[in-house]
Amino acid sequence: MSNIIQALRVALSVIPEVINIIKAVELPGSGADKAAAVLQIVTAAFQTLPADVASAIGLDKVQAFASKVIDIVVGFLNKVGVFKKTA
């Protein structure tokens, strides 16, 4: 059970950083390109982890989680008008 709680804590601690990265790449342009840039940054950060930690977590899980966070955060920020769509 403690492993589940620890994994949940790590996952939740990543969310604010992903939000900061999303805001940092928020410039006019393709949403898909910006999402890919955020994923590349998350992947680069993951690759700096010690090998034993990285293998215990798995890059595929980190990327899948980050993708879901990106979709949720961007969808919410679009809905509340923080990100303005350009024509």
PDB file of N, CA and C in Angstrom:
ATOM      1  N   MET A   1       0.812  -1.191   0.000  1.00  0.00           N
ATOM      2  CA  MET A   1       0.000   0.000   0.000  1.00  0.00           C
ATOM      3  C   MET A   1       0.859   1.260   0.000  1.00  0.00           C
ATOM      4  N   SER A   2       1.986   1.244   0.705  1.00  0.00           N
ATOM      5  CA  SER A   2       2.832   2.435   0.753  1.00  0.00           C
ATOM      6  C   SER A   2       3.405   2.762  -0.621  1.00  0.00           C
ATOM      7  N   ASN A   3       3.653   1.743  -1.467  1.00  0.00           N
ATOM      8  CA  ASN A   3       4.135   2.006  -2.818  1.00  0.00           C
ATOM      9  C   ASN A   3       3.093   2.746  -3.633  1.00  0.00           C
ATOM     10  N   ILE A   4       1.844   2.403  -3.454  1.00  0.00           N
ATOM     11  CA  ILE A   4       0.752   3.075  -4.168  1.00  0.00           C
ATOM     12  C   ILE A   4       0.660   4.522  -3.715  1.00  0.00           C
ATOM     13  N   ILE A   5       0.741   4.743  -2.421  1.00  0.00           N
ATOM     14  CA  ILE A   5       0.678   6.106  -1.890  1.00  0.00           C
ATOM     15  C   ILE A   5       1.877   6.917  -2.371  1.00  0.00           C
ATOM     16  N   GLN A   6       3.040   6.329  -2.365  1.00  0.00           N
ATOM     17  CA  GLN A   6       4.239   7.019  -2.830  1.00  0.00           C
ATOM     18  C   GLN A   6       4.120   7.359  -4.320  1.00  0.00           C
ATOM     19  N   ALA A   7       3.642   6.436  -5.120  1.00  0.00           N
ATOM     20  CA  ALA A   7       3.460   6.692  -6.555  1.00  0.00           C
ATOM     21  C   ALA A   7       2.446   7.805  -6.780  1.00  0.00           C
ATOM     22  N   LEU A   8       1.378   7.803  -5.992  1.00  0.00           N
ATOM     23  CA  LEU A   8       0.364   8.845  -6.108  1.00  0.00           C
ATOM     24  C   LEU A   8       0.942  10.207  -5.732  1.00  0.00           C
ATOM     25  N   ARG A   9       1.731  10.255  -4.690  1.00  0.00           N
ATOM     26  CA  ARG A   9       2.369  11.509  -4.287  1.00  0.00           C
ATOM     27  C   ARG A   9       3.279  12.052  -5.385  1.00  0.00           C
ATOM     28  N   VAL A  10       4.060  11.166  -5.983  1.00  0.00           N
ATOM     29  CA  VAL A  10       4.959  11.580  -7.064  1.00  0.00           C
ATOM     30  C   VAL A  10       4.143  12.096  -8.243  1.00  0.00           C
ATOM     31  N   ALA A  11       3.112  11.362  -8.629  1.00  0.00           N
ATOM     32  CA  ALA A  11       2.273  11.775  -9.757  1.00  0.00           C
ATOM     33  C   ALA A  11       1.642  13.140  -9.497  1.00  0.00           C
ATOM     34  N   LEU A  12       1.124  13.342  -8.308  1.00  0.00           N
ATOM     35  CA  LEU A  12       0.487  14.617  -7.985  1.00  0.00           C
ATOM     36  C   LEU A  12       1.501  15.757  -7.922  1.00  0.00           C
ATOM     37  N   SER A  13       2.726  15.465  -7.533  1.00  0.00           N
ATOM     38  CA  SER A  13       3.740  16.514  -7.475  1.00  0.00           C
ATOM     39  C   SER A  13       4.185  16.946  -8.866  1.00  0.00           C
ATOM     40  N   VAL A  14       3.974  16.110  -9.858  1.00  0.00           N
ATOM     41  CA  VAL A  14       4.357  16.424 -11.228  1.00  0.00           C
ATOM     42  C   VAL A  14       3.385  17.427 -11.858  1.00  0.00           C
ATOM     43  N   ILE A  15       2.140  17.405 -11.440  1.00  0.00           N
ATOM     44  CA  ILE A  15       1.106  18.235 -12.072  1.00  0.00           C
ATOM     45  C   ILE A  15       1.461  19.717 -12.087  1.00  0.00           C
ATOM     46  N   PRO A  16       1.864  20.332 -10.970  1.00  0.00           N
ATOM     47  CA  PRO A  16       2.198  21.768 -11.041  1.00  0.00           C
ATOM     48  C   PRO A  16       3.328  22.079 -12.017  1.00  0.00           C
ATOM     49  N   GLU A  17       4.285  21.176 -12.119  1.00  0.00           N
ATOM     50  CA  GLU A  17       5.395  21.401 -13.050  1.00  0.00           C
ATOM     51  C   GLU A  17       4.920  21.303 -14.495  1.00  0.00           C
ATOM     52  N   VAL A  18       4.037  20.354 -14.783  1.00  0.00           N
ATOM     53  CA  VAL A  18       3.488  20.244 -16.137  1.00  0.00           C
ATOM     54  C   VAL A  18       2.698  21.509 -16.473  1.00  0.00           C
ATOM     55  N   ILE A  19       1.932  22.027 -15.512  1.00  0.00           N
ATOM     56  CA  ILE A  19       1.185  23.272 -15.736  1.00  0.00           C
ATOM     57  C   ILE A  19       2.143  24.418 -16.051  1.00  0.00           C
ATOM     58  N   ASN A  20       3.239  24.519 -15.321  1.00  0.00           N
ATOM     59  CA  ASN A  20       4.237  25.562 -15.591  1.00  0.00           C
ATOM     60  C   ASN A  20       4.834  25.421 -16.991  1.00  0.00           C
ATOM     61  N   ILE A  21       5.091  24.194 -17.395  1.00  0.00           N
ATOM     62  CA  ILE A  21       5.646  23.963 -18.734  1.00  0.00           C
ATOM     63  C   ILE A  21       4.613  24.342 -19.794  1.00  0.00           C
ATOM     64  N   ILE A  22       3.356  23.982 -19.577  1.00  0.00           N
ATOM     65  CA  ILE A  22       2.289  24.337 -20.519  1.00  0.00           C
ATOM     66  C   ILE A  22       2.234  25.851 -20.691  1.00  0.00           C
ATOM     67  N   LYS A  23       2.252  26.571 -19.589  1.00  0.00           N
ATOM     68  CA  LYS A  23       2.206  28.028 -19.660  1.00  0.00           C
ATOM     69  C   LYS A  23       3.444  28.590 -20.357  1.00  0.00           C
ATOM     70  N   ALA A  24       4.588  27.959 -20.166  1.00  0.00           N
ATOM     71  CA  ALA A  24       5.829  28.439 -20.775  1.00  0.00           C
ATOM     72  C   ALA A  24       5.819  28.303 -22.295  1.00  0.00           C
ATOM     73  N   VAL A  25       5.139  27.298 -22.818  1.00  0.00           N
ATOM     74  CA  VAL A  25       5.113  27.094 -24.271  1.00  0.00           C
ATOM     75  C   VAL A  25       3.861  27.673 -24.908  1.00  0.00           C
ATOM     76  N   GLU A  26       3.047  28.392 -24.144  1.00  0.00           N
ATOM     77  CA  GLU A  26       1.801  28.944 -24.668  1.00  0.00           C
ATOM     78  C   GLU A  26       2.080  30.191 -25.501  1.00  0.00           C
ATOM     79  N   LEU A  27       2.261  29.952 -26.768  1.00  0.00           N
ATOM     80  CA  LEU A  27       2.443  30.979 -27.781  1.00  0.00           C
ATOM     81  C   LEU A  27       1.497  30.635 -28.924  1.00  0.00           C
ATOM     82  N   PRO A  28       1.220  31.580 -29.791  1.00  0.00           N
ATOM     83  CA  PRO A  28       0.374  31.226 -30.934  1.00  0.00           C
ATOM     84  C   PRO A  28       0.984  30.058 -31.708  1.00  0.00           C
ATOM     85  N   GLY A  29       0.140  29.140 -32.113  1.00  0.00           N
ATOM     86  CA  GLY A  29       0.635  28.001 -32.878  1.00  0.00           C
ATOM     87  C   GLY A  29      -0.199  26.769 -32.649  1.00  0.00           C
ATOM     88  N   SER A  30       0.242  25.710 -33.229  1.00  0.00           N
ATOM     89  CA  SER A  30      -0.463  24.438 -33.193  1.00  0.00           C
ATOM     90  C   SER A  30      -0.497  23.857 -31.783  1.00  0.00           C
ATOM     91  N   GLY A  31      -1.695  23.524 -31.323  1.00  0.00           N
ATOM     92  CA  GLY A  31      -1.836  22.889 -30.015  1.00  0.00           C
ATOM     93  C   GLY A  31      -1.102  21.565 -29.942  1.00  0.00           C
ATOM     94  N   ALA A  32      -1.139  20.816 -31.029  1.00  0.00           N
ATOM     95  CA  ALA A  32      -0.457  19.518 -31.054  1.00  0.00           C
ATOM     96  C   ALA A  32       1.054  19.700 -30.922  1.00  0.00           C
ATOM     97  N   ASP A  33       1.587  20.728 -31.581  1.00  0.00           N
ATOM     98  CA  ASP A  33       3.031  20.989 -31.485  1.00  0.00           C
ATOM     99  C   ASP A  33       3.419  21.402 -30.074  1.00  0.00           C
ATOM    100  N   LYS A  34       2.568  22.217 -29.446  1.00  0.00           N
ATOM    101  CA  LYS A  34       2.853  22.653 -28.070  1.00  0.00           C
ATOM    102  C   LYS A  34       2.763  21.471 -27.110  1.00  0.00           C
ATOM    103  N   ALA A  35       1.772  20.606 -27.300  1.00  0.00           N
ATOM    104  CA  ALA A  35       1.651  19.415 -26.442  1.00  0.00           C
ATOM    105  C   ALA A  35       2.870  18.523 -26.616  1.00  0.00           C
ATOM    106  N   ALA A  36       3.339  18.381 -27.850  1.00  0.00           N
ATOM    107  CA  ALA A  36       4.535  17.565 -28.107  1.00  0.00           C
ATOM    108  C   ALA A  36       5.755  18.174 -27.426  1.00  0.00           C
ATOM    109  N   ALA A  37       5.852  19.501 -27.442  1.00  0.00           N
ATOM    110  CA  ALA A  37       6.983  20.168 -26.779  1.00  0.00           C
ATOM    111  C   ALA A  37       6.949  19.907 -25.272  1.00  0.00           C
ATOM    112  N   VAL A  38       5.766  19.991 -24.679  1.00  0.00           N
ATOM    113  CA  VAL A  38       5.630  19.719 -23.241  1.00  0.00           C
ATOM    114  C   VAL A  38       6.050  18.283 -22.951  1.00  0.00           C
ATOM    115  N   LEU A  39       5.594  17.337 -23.763  1.00  0.00           N
ATOM    116  CA  LEU A  39       5.976  15.931 -23.566  1.00  0.00           C
ATOM    117  C   LEU A  39       7.482  15.732 -23.719  1.00  0.00           C
ATOM    118  N   GLN A  40       8.095  16.438 -24.656  1.00  0.00           N
ATOM    119  CA  GLN A  40       9.545  16.328 -24.823  1.00  0.00           C
ATOM    120  C   GLN A  40      10.283  16.843 -23.592  1.00  0.00           C
ATOM    121  N   ILE A  41       9.773  17.924 -23.003  1.00  0.00           N
ATOM    122  CA  ILE A  41      10.396  18.464 -21.797  1.00  0.00           C
ATOM    123  C   ILE A  41      10.235  17.494 -20.635  1.00  0.00           C
ATOM    124  N   VAL A  42       9.035  16.940 -20.484  1.00  0.00           N
ATOM    125  CA  VAL A  42       8.790  15.949 -19.424  1.00  0.00           C
ATOM    126  C   VAL A  42       9.700  14.738 -19.623  1.00  0.00           C
ATOM    127  N   THR A  43       9.829  14.298 -20.863  1.00  0.00           N
ATOM    128  CA  THR A  43      10.701  13.151 -21.161  1.00  0.00           C
ATOM    129  C   THR A  43      12.148  13.464 -20.828  1.00  0.00           C
ATOM    130  N   ALA A  44      12.607  14.656 -21.186  1.00  0.00           N
ATOM    131  CA  ALA A  44      13.983  15.049 -20.875  1.00  0.00           C
ATOM    132  C   ALA A  44      14.212  15.078 -19.372  1.00  0.00           C
ATOM    133  N   ALA A  45      13.237  15.587 -18.626  1.00  0.00           N
ATOM    134  CA  ALA A  45      13.357  15.610 -17.166  1.00  0.00           C
ATOM    135  C   ALA A  45      13.406  14.189 -16.616  1.00  0.00           C
ATOM    136  N   PHE A  46      12.551  13.312 -17.149  1.00  0.00           N
ATOM    137  CA  PHE A  46      12.528  11.911 -16.711  1.00  0.00           C
ATOM    138  C   PHE A  46      13.883  11.252 -16.928  1.00  0.00           C
ATOM    139  N   GLN A  47      14.515  11.573 -18.043  1.00  0.00           N
ATOM    140  CA  GLN A  47      15.789  10.942 -18.391  1.00  0.00           C
ATOM    141  C   GLN A  47      16.934  11.371 -17.477  1.00  0.00           C
ATOM    142  N   THR A  48      16.706  12.379 -16.638  1.00  0.00           N
ATOM    143  CA  THR A  48      17.739  12.788 -15.684  1.00  0.00           C
ATOM    144  C   THR A  48      17.633  12.028 -14.365  1.00  0.00           C
ATOM    145  N   LEU A  49      16.563  11.245 -14.210  1.00  0.00           N
ATOM    146  CA  LEU A  49      16.391  10.469 -12.978  1.00  0.00           C
ATOM    147  C   LEU A  49      17.442   9.374 -12.881  1.00  0.00           C
ATOM    148  N   PRO A  50      17.802   8.978 -11.669  1.00  0.00           N
ATOM    149  CA  PRO A  50      18.685   7.823 -11.529  1.00  0.00           C
ATOM    150  C   PRO A  50      18.060   6.599 -12.209  1.00  0.00           C
ATOM    151  N   ALA A  51      18.893   5.756 -12.769  1.00  0.00           N
ATOM    152  CA  ALA A  51      18.422   4.613 -13.559  1.00  0.00           C
ATOM    153  C   ALA A  51      17.460   3.715 -12.786  1.00  0.00           C
ATOM    154  N   ASP A  52      17.735   3.481 -11.500  1.00  0.00           N
ATOM    155  CA  ASP A  52      16.864   2.590 -10.732  1.00  0.00           C
ATOM    156  C   ASP A  52      15.480   3.204 -10.532  1.00  0.00           C
ATOM    157  N   VAL A  53      15.424   4.507 -10.347  1.00  0.00           N
ATOM    158  CA  VAL A  53      14.140   5.193 -10.186  1.00  0.00           C
ATOM    159  C   VAL A  53      13.392   5.189 -11.509  1.00  0.00           C
ATOM    160  N   ALA A  54      14.102   5.525 -12.589  1.00  0.00           N
ATOM    161  CA  ALA A  54      13.485   5.566 -13.914  1.00  0.00           C
ATOM    162  C   ALA A  54      12.920   4.204 -14.294  1.00  0.00           C
ATOM    163  N   SER A  55      13.653   3.151 -14.035  1.00  0.00           N
ATOM    164  CA  SER A  55      13.162   1.824 -14.419  1.00  0.00           C
ATOM    165  C   SER A  55      11.989   1.393 -13.549  1.00  0.00           C
ATOM    166  N   ALA A  56      11.952   1.851 -12.315  1.00  0.00           N
ATOM    167  CA  ALA A  56      10.823   1.503 -11.435  1.00  0.00           C
ATOM    168  C   ALA A  56       9.543   2.204 -11.869  1.00  0.00           C
ATOM    169  N   ILE A  57       9.673   3.403 -12.416  1.00  0.00           N
ATOM    170  CA  ILE A  57       8.503   4.174 -12.834  1.00  0.00           C
ATOM    171  C   ILE A  57       8.127   3.828 -14.269  1.00  0.00           C
ATOM    172  N   GLY A  58       9.055   3.918 -15.177  1.00  0.00           N
ATOM    173  CA  GLY A  58       8.815   3.634 -16.582  1.00  0.00           C
ATOM    174  C   GLY A  58       8.436   4.875 -17.374  1.00  0.00           C
ATOM    175  N   LEU A  59       9.171   5.123 -18.440  1.00  0.00           N
ATOM    176  CA  LEU A  59       8.929   6.287 -19.273  1.00  0.00           C
ATOM    177  C   LEU A  59       7.538   6.269 -19.889  1.00  0.00           C
ATOM    178  N   ASP A  60       7.076   5.095 -20.298  1.00  0.00           N
ATOM    179  CA  ASP A  60       5.752   5.017 -20.917  1.00  0.00           C
ATOM    180  C   ASP A  60       4.651   5.476 -19.973  1.00  0.00           C
ATOM    181  N   LYS A  61       4.769   5.140 -18.699  1.00  0.00           N
ATOM    182  CA  LYS A  61       3.776   5.561 -17.717  1.00  0.00           C
ATOM    183  C   LYS A  61       3.838   7.078 -17.491  1.00  0.00           C
ATOM    184  N   VAL A  62       5.043   7.615 -17.438  1.00  0.00           N
ATOM    185  CA  VAL A  62       5.212   9.054 -17.242  1.00  0.00           C
ATOM    186  C   VAL A  62       4.627   9.810 -18.427  1.00  0.00           C
ATOM    187  N   GLN A  63       4.917   9.361 -19.637  1.00  0.00           N
ATOM    188  CA  GLN A  63       4.395  10.036 -20.820  1.00  0.00           C
ATOM    189  C   GLN A  63       2.871   9.941 -20.897  1.00  0.00           C
ATOM    190  N   ALA A  64       2.326   8.783 -20.572  1.00  0.00           N
ATOM    191  CA  ALA A  64       0.868   8.623 -20.592  1.00  0.00           C
ATOM    192  C   ALA A  64       0.211   9.531 -19.562  1.00  0.00           C
ATOM    193  N   PHE A  65       0.782   9.586 -18.371  1.00  0.00           N
ATOM    194  CA  PHE A  65       0.240  10.452 -17.321  1.00  0.00           C
ATOM    195  C   PHE A  65       0.355  11.917 -17.732  1.00  0.00           C
ATOM    196  N   ALA A  66       1.514  12.315 -18.236  1.00  0.00           N
ATOM    197  CA  ALA A  66       1.714  13.703 -18.653  1.00  0.00           C
ATOM    198  C   ALA A  66       0.751  14.076 -19.777  1.00  0.00           C
ATOM    199  N   SER A  67       0.510  13.179 -20.709  1.00  0.00           N
ATOM    200  CA  SER A  67      -0.429  13.453 -21.802  1.00  0.00           C
ATOM    201  C   SER A  67      -1.832  13.706 -21.270  1.00  0.00           C
ATOM    202  N   LYS A  68      -2.244  12.904 -20.312  1.00  0.00           N
ATOM    203  CA  LYS A  68      -3.571  13.096 -19.722  1.00  0.00           C
ATOM    204  C   LYS A  68      -3.644  14.412 -18.964  1.00  0.00           C
ATOM    205  N   VAL A  69      -2.595  14.737 -18.233  1.00  0.00           N
ATOM    206  CA  VAL A  69      -2.557  16.011 -17.498  1.00  0.00           C
ATOM    207  C   VAL A  69      -2.610  17.178 -18.480  1.00  0.00           C
ATOM    208  N   ILE A  70      -1.855  17.090 -19.564  1.00  0.00           N
ATOM    209  CA  ILE A  70      -1.861  18.150 -20.578  1.00  0.00           C
ATOM    210  C   ILE A  70      -3.270  18.347 -21.118  1.00  0.00           C
ATOM    211  N   ASP A  71      -3.926  17.260 -21.494  1.00  0.00           N
ATOM    212  CA  ASP A  71      -5.284  17.355 -22.037  1.00  0.00           C
ATOM    213  C   ASP A  71      -6.245  17.993 -21.040  1.00  0.00           C
ATOM    214  N   ILE A  72      -6.166  17.570 -19.793  1.00  0.00           N
ATOM    215  CA  ILE A  72      -7.072  18.096 -18.765  1.00  0.00           C
ATOM    216  C   ILE A  72      -6.797  19.573 -18.509  1.00  0.00           C
ATOM    217  N   VAL A  73      -5.537  19.929 -18.315  1.00  0.00           N
ATOM    218  CA  VAL A  73      -5.178  21.309 -17.980  1.00  0.00           C
ATOM    219  C   VAL A  73      -5.486  22.247 -19.147  1.00  0.00           C
ATOM    220  N   VAL A  74      -5.083  21.887 -20.350  1.00  0.00           N
ATOM    221  CA  VAL A  74      -5.328  22.741 -21.509  1.00  0.00           C
ATOM    222  C   VAL A  74      -6.834  22.865 -21.763  1.00  0.00           C
ATOM    223  N   GLY A  75      -7.559  21.767 -21.651  1.00  0.00           N
ATOM    224  CA  GLY A  75      -9.010  21.826 -21.818  1.00  0.00           C
ATOM    225  C   GLY A  75      -9.651  22.764 -20.814  1.00  0.00           C
ATOM    226  N   PHE A  76      -9.224  22.678 -19.577  1.00  0.00           N
ATOM    227  CA  PHE A  76      -9.773  23.556 -18.536  1.00  0.00           C
ATOM    228  C   PHE A  76      -9.403  25.013 -18.795  1.00  0.00           C
ATOM    229  N   LEU A  77      -8.136  25.273 -19.089  1.00  0.00           N
ATOM    230  CA  LEU A  77      -7.695  26.647 -19.324  1.00  0.00           C
ATOM    231  C   LEU A  77      -8.364  27.247 -20.555  1.00  0.00           C
ATOM    232  N   ASN A  78      -8.614  26.430 -21.571  1.00  0.00           N
ATOM    233  CA  ASN A  78      -9.368  26.904 -22.733  1.00  0.00           C
ATOM    234  C   ASN A  78     -10.805  27.236 -22.339  1.00  0.00           C
ATOM    235  N   LYS A  79     -11.398  26.380 -21.555  1.00  0.00           N
ATOM    236  CA  LYS A  79     -12.801  26.567 -21.168  1.00  0.00           C
ATOM    237  C   LYS A  79     -13.006  27.833 -20.343  1.00  0.00           C
ATOM    238  N   VAL A  80     -12.073  28.133 -19.453  1.00  0.00           N
ATOM    239  CA  VAL A  80     -12.222  29.316 -18.600  1.00  0.00           C
ATOM    240  C   VAL A  80     -11.640  30.568 -19.242  1.00  0.00           C
ATOM    241  N   GLY A  81     -11.091  30.443 -20.452  1.00  0.00           N
ATOM    242  CA  GLY A  81     -10.656  31.615 -21.201  1.00  0.00           C
ATOM    243  C   GLY A  81      -9.237  32.078 -20.934  1.00  0.00           C
ATOM    244  N   VAL A  82      -8.442  31.282 -20.239  1.00  0.00           N
ATOM    245  CA  VAL A  82      -7.057  31.681 -19.994  1.00  0.00           C
ATOM    246  C   VAL A  82      -6.279  31.660 -21.313  1.00  0.00           C
ATOM    247  N   PHE A  83      -6.496  30.621 -22.111  1.00  0.00           N
ATOM    248  CA  PHE A  83      -5.874  30.545 -23.417  1.00  0.00           C
ATOM    249  C   PHE A  83      -6.888  31.004 -24.441  1.00  0.00           C
ATOM    250  N   LYS A  84      -6.538  32.023 -25.180  1.00  0.00           N
ATOM    251  CA  LYS A  84      -7.427  32.567 -26.200  1.00  0.00           C
ATOM    252  C   LYS A  84      -7.104  31.889 -27.529  1.00  0.00           C
ATOM    253  N   LYS A  85      -8.133  31.382 -28.182  1.00  0.00           N
ATOM    254  CA  LYS A  85      -7.930  30.772 -29.502  1.00  0.00           C
ATOM    255  C   LYS A  85      -7.791  31.875 -30.533  1.00  0.00           C
ATOM    256  N   THR A  86      -6.820  31.686 -31.419  1.00  0.00           N
ATOM    257  CA  THR A  86      -6.616  32.664 -32.493  1.00  0.00           C
ATOM    258  C   THR A  86      -7.146  32.085 -33.786  1.00  0.00           C
ATOM    259  N   ALA A  87      -7.582  32.959 -34.645  1.00  0.00           N
ATOM    260  CA  ALA A  87      -8.144  32.504 -35.931  1.00  0.00           C
ATOM    261  C   ALA A  87      -7.082  32.197 -36.930  1.00  0.00           C
TER     262      ALA A  87
END
